Amino acid sequence: MQPTISIPQHWGYPRFALEQRTQDGIILGFYYYPNGTELAEQFGGSWRYALMPNKNSDELFHFQENQIKPLSSQELFSEITAEIELDQQQITILQQQLAVVTGGFTNA
């Protein structure tokens, strides 16, 4: 079952989705400053996003919706392809390590 998020109609919908990759990083969360609140008066009433620069980062940055730059289709393809290649290299290394460990075991 997919989790459901309800957004009040008068807020409008966020432009970006959770886990979406952007030029600034991966979107981990978002929140809204509704008009008429102190935060909206200070920062502007809109969606704000929490982004992590990359999956190995311990940093988190916050951006207004209009500050986020989406990736082009080619940039997204290249980024995902590079991540797949890196993961495949890691799998190969782990398989080699497993072969060394299990090399002394025989099936009875």
N, C-alpha and C. Protein backbone atom coordinates (compact mmCIF):
# COMPACT_ATOMS: atom_id res chain seq x y z
N MET A 1 0.84 -1.18 0.00
CA MET A 1 0.00 0.00 0.00
C MET A 1 0.88 1.24 0.00
N GLN A 2 0.63 2.14 -0.90
CA GLN A 2 1.39 3.37 -1.01
C GLN A 2 0.91 4.37 0.04
N PRO A 3 1.85 5.05 0.71
CA PRO A 3 1.43 6.09 1.65
C PRO A 3 0.77 7.25 0.89
N THR A 4 -0.16 7.89 1.55
CA THR A 4 -0.88 9.00 0.94
C THR A 4 -0.60 10.28 1.71
N ILE A 5 -0.35 11.35 0.98
CA ILE A 5 -0.15 12.66 1.59
C ILE A 5 -1.29 13.55 1.13
N SER A 6 -1.99 14.15 2.05
CA SER A 6 -3.08 15.07 1.71
C SER A 6 -2.57 16.50 1.81
N ILE A 7 -2.82 17.26 0.77
CA ILE A 7 -2.39 18.66 0.73
C ILE A 7 -3.64 19.52 0.61
N PRO A 8 -3.81 20.49 1.49
CA PRO A 8 -4.98 21.37 1.37
C PRO A 8 -5.04 22.02 -0.01
N GLN A 9 -6.23 22.11 -0.56
CA GLN A 9 -6.40 22.63 -1.93
C GLN A 9 -5.85 24.04 -2.10
N HIS A 10 -5.97 24.87 -1.09
CA HIS A 10 -5.53 26.26 -1.23
C HIS A 10 -4.01 26.40 -1.17
N TRP A 11 -3.27 25.32 -0.92
CA TRP A 11 -1.80 25.37 -0.91
C TRP A 11 -1.21 25.22 -2.31
N GLY A 12 -1.88 24.55 -3.19
CA GLY A 12 -1.28 24.21 -4.46
C GLY A 12 -0.37 23.00 -4.27
N TYR A 13 0.05 22.40 -5.35
CA TYR A 13 0.86 21.19 -5.25
C TYR A 13 2.35 21.51 -5.38
N PRO A 14 3.19 20.71 -4.71
CA PRO A 14 4.63 20.94 -4.85
C PRO A 14 5.09 20.62 -6.27
N ARG A 15 6.07 21.34 -6.73
CA ARG A 15 6.59 21.15 -8.09
C ARG A 15 7.49 19.93 -8.18
N PHE A 16 8.14 19.57 -7.07
CA PHE A 16 9.09 18.47 -7.05
C PHE A 16 8.60 17.35 -6.13
N ALA A 17 9.11 16.15 -6.35
CA ALA A 17 8.68 14.97 -5.59
C ALA A 17 9.79 14.48 -4.66
N LEU A 18 9.39 13.73 -3.66
CA LEU A 18 10.37 13.11 -2.77
C LEU A 18 11.28 12.19 -3.59
N GLU A 19 12.55 12.19 -3.26
CA GLU A 19 13.60 11.39 -3.90
C GLU A 19 13.91 11.82 -5.34
N GLN A 20 13.33 12.94 -5.78
CA GLN A 20 13.66 13.44 -7.11
C GLN A 20 15.08 13.98 -7.11
N ARG A 21 15.81 13.67 -8.17
CA ARG A 21 17.18 14.18 -8.32
C ARG A 21 17.12 15.54 -9.00
N THR A 22 17.91 16.47 -8.49
CA THR A 22 17.99 17.82 -9.06
C THR A 22 19.46 18.19 -9.19
N GLN A 23 19.73 19.34 -9.76
CA GLN A 23 21.11 19.80 -9.87
C GLN A 23 21.73 20.05 -8.50
N ASP A 24 20.90 20.33 -7.51
CA ASP A 24 21.39 20.62 -6.16
C ASP A 24 21.44 19.41 -5.26
N GLY A 25 20.86 18.29 -5.69
CA GLY A 25 20.87 17.09 -4.88
C GLY A 25 19.56 16.33 -4.95
N ILE A 26 19.37 15.43 -4.00
CA ILE A 26 18.20 14.58 -3.94
C ILE A 26 17.21 15.15 -2.93
N ILE A 27 15.96 15.25 -3.30
CA ILE A 27 14.94 15.82 -2.40
C ILE A 27 14.55 14.78 -1.36
N LEU A 28 14.79 15.11 -0.09
CA LEU A 28 14.46 14.21 1.01
C LEU A 28 13.18 14.60 1.72
N GLY A 29 12.78 15.84 1.58
CA GLY A 29 11.56 16.28 2.24
C GLY A 29 11.14 17.64 1.74
N PHE A 30 9.93 18.01 2.06
CA PHE A 30 9.45 19.35 1.72
C PHE A 30 8.40 19.77 2.72
N TYR A 31 8.22 21.06 2.81
CA TYR A 31 7.26 21.64 3.74
C TYR A 31 6.75 22.94 3.15
N TYR A 32 5.65 23.42 3.70
CA TYR A 32 4.98 24.58 3.12
C TYR A 32 4.82 25.67 4.16
N TYR A 33 5.09 26.91 3.76
CA TYR A 33 4.82 28.07 4.60
C TYR A 33 3.54 28.72 4.08
N PRO A 34 2.40 28.49 4.74
CA PRO A 34 1.15 29.07 4.25
C PRO A 34 1.12 30.59 4.40
N ASN A 35 0.51 31.24 3.44
CA ASN A 35 0.35 32.70 3.51
C ASN A 35 -0.37 33.07 4.79
N GLY A 36 -0.02 34.21 5.34
CA GLY A 36 -0.64 34.69 6.56
C GLY A 36 0.06 34.24 7.82
N THR A 37 1.15 33.47 7.66
CA THR A 37 1.90 33.04 8.84
C THR A 37 3.18 33.86 8.94
N GLU A 38 3.76 33.86 10.12
CA GLU A 38 4.99 34.63 10.33
C GLU A 38 6.12 34.13 9.43
N LEU A 39 6.24 32.81 9.29
CA LEU A 39 7.30 32.26 8.42
C LEU A 39 7.09 32.66 6.96
N ALA A 40 5.85 32.68 6.51
CA ALA A 40 5.57 33.09 5.13
C ALA A 40 5.90 34.56 4.93
N GLU A 41 5.62 35.39 5.93
CA GLU A 41 5.95 36.80 5.83
C GLU A 41 7.46 37.00 5.78
N GLN A 42 8.18 36.17 6.51
CA GLN A 42 9.63 36.30 6.57
C GLN A 42 10.31 35.69 5.34
N PHE A 43 9.83 34.52 4.89
CA PHE A 43 10.52 33.78 3.83
C PHE A 43 9.71 33.66 2.54
N GLY A 44 8.46 34.05 2.56
CA GLY A 44 7.60 33.89 1.40
C GLY A 44 6.76 32.63 1.53
N GLY A 45 5.49 32.76 1.22
CA GLY A 45 4.59 31.62 1.31
C GLY A 45 4.77 30.71 0.11
N SER A 46 5.38 29.58 0.32
CA SER A 46 5.61 28.63 -0.78
C SER A 46 6.16 27.33 -0.22
N TRP A 47 6.38 26.40 -1.13
CA TRP A 47 7.02 25.14 -0.77
C TRP A 47 8.51 25.36 -0.58
N ARG A 48 9.05 24.66 0.40
CA ARG A 48 10.49 24.66 0.65
C ARG A 48 10.92 23.20 0.69
N TYR A 49 12.13 22.94 0.25
CA TYR A 49 12.60 21.57 0.09
C TYR A 49 13.91 21.34 0.84
N ALA A 50 14.05 20.13 1.39
CA ALA A 50 15.28 19.70 2.03
C ALA A 50 15.99 18.77 1.05
N LEU A 51 17.23 19.14 0.69
CA LEU A 51 17.99 18.35 -0.28
C LEU A 51 19.31 17.90 0.31
N MET A 52 19.71 16.68 -0.06
CA MET A 52 21.01 16.14 0.29
C MET A 52 21.84 16.15 -1.00
N PRO A 53 23.05 16.74 -0.96
CA PRO A 53 23.84 16.88 -2.19
C PRO A 53 24.10 15.56 -2.91
N ASN A 54 24.34 14.48 -2.18
CA ASN A 54 24.51 13.15 -2.76
C ASN A 54 24.21 12.11 -1.71
N LYS A 55 24.09 10.86 -2.12
CA LYS A 55 23.63 9.84 -1.18
C LYS A 55 24.63 9.53 -0.08
N ASN A 56 25.86 9.97 -0.20
CA ASN A 56 26.86 9.72 0.83
C ASN A 56 27.12 10.95 1.70
N SER A 57 26.33 11.97 1.53
CA SER A 57 26.53 13.21 2.27
C SER A 57 25.83 13.17 3.62
N ASP A 58 26.38 13.90 4.56
CA ASP A 58 25.69 14.07 5.84
C ASP A 58 25.16 15.50 5.95
N GLU A 59 25.21 16.24 4.85
CA GLU A 59 24.73 17.62 4.83
C GLU A 59 23.30 17.65 4.28
N LEU A 60 22.56 18.64 4.74
CA LEU A 60 21.20 18.85 4.27
C LEU A 60 21.03 20.34 4.00
N PHE A 61 20.53 20.68 2.81
CA PHE A 61 20.34 22.07 2.44
C PHE A 61 18.86 22.33 2.18
N HIS A 62 18.44 23.56 2.43
CA HIS A 62 17.04 23.93 2.26
C HIS A 62 16.93 24.98 1.15
N PHE A 63 15.98 24.76 0.23
CA PHE A 63 15.79 25.64 -0.91
C PHE A 63 14.31 25.99 -1.06
N GLN A 64 14.06 27.20 -1.54
CA GLN A 64 12.71 27.55 -1.96
C GLN A 64 12.47 26.87 -3.30
N GLU A 65 11.21 26.68 -3.62
CA GLU A 65 10.87 25.97 -4.85
C GLU A 65 11.48 26.62 -6.09
N ASN A 66 11.50 27.94 -6.13
CA ASN A 66 12.02 28.63 -7.32
C ASN A 66 13.55 28.62 -7.39
N GLN A 67 14.23 28.11 -6.37
CA GLN A 67 15.69 28.03 -6.38
C GLN A 67 16.21 26.69 -6.90
N ILE A 68 15.33 25.72 -7.03
CA ILE A 68 15.75 24.37 -7.42
C ILE A 68 15.79 24.26 -8.93
N LYS A 69 16.88 23.67 -9.42
CA LYS A 69 17.05 23.48 -10.85
C LYS A 69 16.92 21.98 -11.15
N PRO A 70 15.89 21.59 -11.93
CA PRO A 70 15.74 20.18 -12.25
C PRO A 70 16.83 19.72 -13.21
N LEU A 71 17.06 18.42 -13.24
CA LEU A 71 18.01 17.84 -14.19
C LEU A 71 17.32 17.66 -15.53
N SER A 72 18.08 17.81 -16.60
CA SER A 72 17.54 17.49 -17.92
C SER A 72 17.44 15.97 -18.03
N SER A 73 16.74 15.48 -19.02
CA SER A 73 16.61 14.03 -19.22
C SER A 73 17.98 13.39 -19.41
N GLN A 74 18.85 14.04 -20.16
CA GLN A 74 20.20 13.50 -20.40
C GLN A 74 21.02 13.49 -19.12
N GLU A 75 20.93 14.57 -18.32
CA GLU A 75 21.67 14.62 -17.05
C GLU A 75 21.18 13.53 -16.10
N LEU A 76 19.88 13.34 -16.05
CA LEU A 76 19.31 12.32 -15.18
C LEU A 76 19.75 10.93 -15.64
N PHE A 77 19.71 10.68 -16.94
CA PHE A 77 20.15 9.41 -17.50
C PHE A 77 21.61 9.15 -17.14
N SER A 78 22.47 10.15 -17.34
CA SER A 78 23.90 10.00 -17.05
C SER A 78 24.15 9.73 -15.57
N GLU A 79 23.44 10.44 -14.71
CA GLU A 79 23.62 10.28 -13.27
C GLU A 79 23.19 8.88 -12.81
N ILE A 80 22.06 8.43 -13.29
CA ILE A 80 21.57 7.10 -12.90
C ILE A 80 22.47 6.01 -13.47
N THR A 81 22.91 6.17 -14.71
CA THR A 81 23.80 5.19 -15.33
C THR A 81 25.11 5.08 -14.56
N ALA A 82 25.68 6.21 -14.17
CA ALA A 82 26.93 6.21 -13.39
C ALA A 82 26.72 5.51 -12.05
N GLU A 83 25.59 5.75 -11.42
CA GLU A 83 25.31 5.11 -10.12
C GLU A 83 25.14 3.60 -10.29
N ILE A 84 24.50 3.17 -11.35
CA ILE A 84 24.34 1.74 -11.62
C ILE A 84 25.71 1.09 -11.84
N GLU A 85 26.57 1.75 -12.62
CA GLU A 85 27.91 1.21 -12.88
C GLU A 85 28.71 1.08 -11.58
N LEU A 86 28.63 2.07 -10.72
CA LEU A 86 29.32 2.03 -9.44
C LEU A 86 28.78 0.89 -8.58
N ASP A 87 27.47 0.74 -8.54
CA ASP A 87 26.86 -0.34 -7.77
C ASP A 87 27.25 -1.71 -8.32
N GLN A 88 27.33 -1.83 -9.65
CA GLN A 88 27.74 -3.10 -10.25
C GLN A 88 29.19 -3.44 -9.90
N GLN A 89 30.05 -2.41 -9.83
CA GLN A 89 31.44 -2.65 -9.41
C GLN A 89 31.48 -3.14 -7.97
N GLN A 90 30.65 -2.55 -7.12
CA GLN A 90 30.59 -2.97 -5.73
C GLN A 90 30.09 -4.41 -5.61
N ILE A 91 29.12 -4.78 -6.42
CA ILE A 91 28.62 -6.15 -6.42
C ILE A 91 29.71 -7.12 -6.83
N THR A 92 30.47 -6.78 -7.85
CA THR A 92 31.57 -7.63 -8.30
C THR A 92 32.60 -7.83 -7.20
N ILE A 93 32.95 -6.77 -6.52
CA ILE A 93 33.91 -6.85 -5.41
C ILE A 93 33.36 -7.75 -4.30
N LEU A 94 32.11 -7.57 -3.95
CA LEU A 94 31.50 -8.40 -2.91
C LEU A 94 31.43 -9.86 -3.32
N GLN A 95 31.14 -10.13 -4.60
CA GLN A 95 31.10 -11.51 -5.09
C GLN A 95 32.48 -12.15 -5.00
N GLN A 96 33.52 -11.37 -5.31
CA GLN A 96 34.89 -11.88 -5.20
C GLN A 96 35.24 -12.19 -3.75
N GLN A 97 34.85 -11.31 -2.84
CA GLN A 97 35.11 -11.54 -1.42
C GLN A 97 34.36 -12.76 -0.93
N LEU A 98 33.13 -12.93 -1.38
CA LEU A 98 32.33 -14.08 -1.00
C LEU A 98 32.95 -15.37 -1.51
N ALA A 99 33.48 -15.32 -2.73
CA ALA A 99 34.12 -16.51 -3.30
C ALA A 99 35.32 -16.91 -2.48
N VAL A 100 36.09 -15.93 -1.99
CA VAL A 100 37.26 -16.24 -1.14
C VAL A 100 36.80 -16.88 0.16
N VAL A 101 35.77 -16.33 0.76
CA VAL A 101 35.27 -16.83 2.03
C VAL A 101 34.69 -18.24 1.87
N THR A 102 33.94 -18.45 0.82
CA THR A 102 33.28 -19.76 0.62
C THR A 102 34.18 -20.76 -0.09
N GLY A 103 35.35 -20.35 -0.52
CA GLY A 103 36.27 -21.25 -1.24
C GLY A 103 36.68 -22.45 -0.39
N GLY A 104 36.73 -22.30 0.91
CA GLY A 104 37.12 -23.40 1.78
C GLY A 104 35.97 -24.32 2.13
N PHE A 105 34.74 -23.92 1.77
CA PHE A 105 33.57 -24.74 2.08
C PHE A 105 33.22 -25.59 0.87
N THR A 106 32.78 -26.78 1.13
CA THR A 106 32.32 -27.64 0.04
C THR A 106 30.89 -28.06 0.34
N ASN A 107 30.15 -28.26 -0.70
CA ASN A 107 28.77 -28.73 -0.52
C ASN A 107 28.79 -30.23 -0.29
N ALA A 108 28.10 -30.70 0.72
CA ALA A 108 28.09 -32.12 1.04
C ALA A 108 26.98 -32.83 0.33
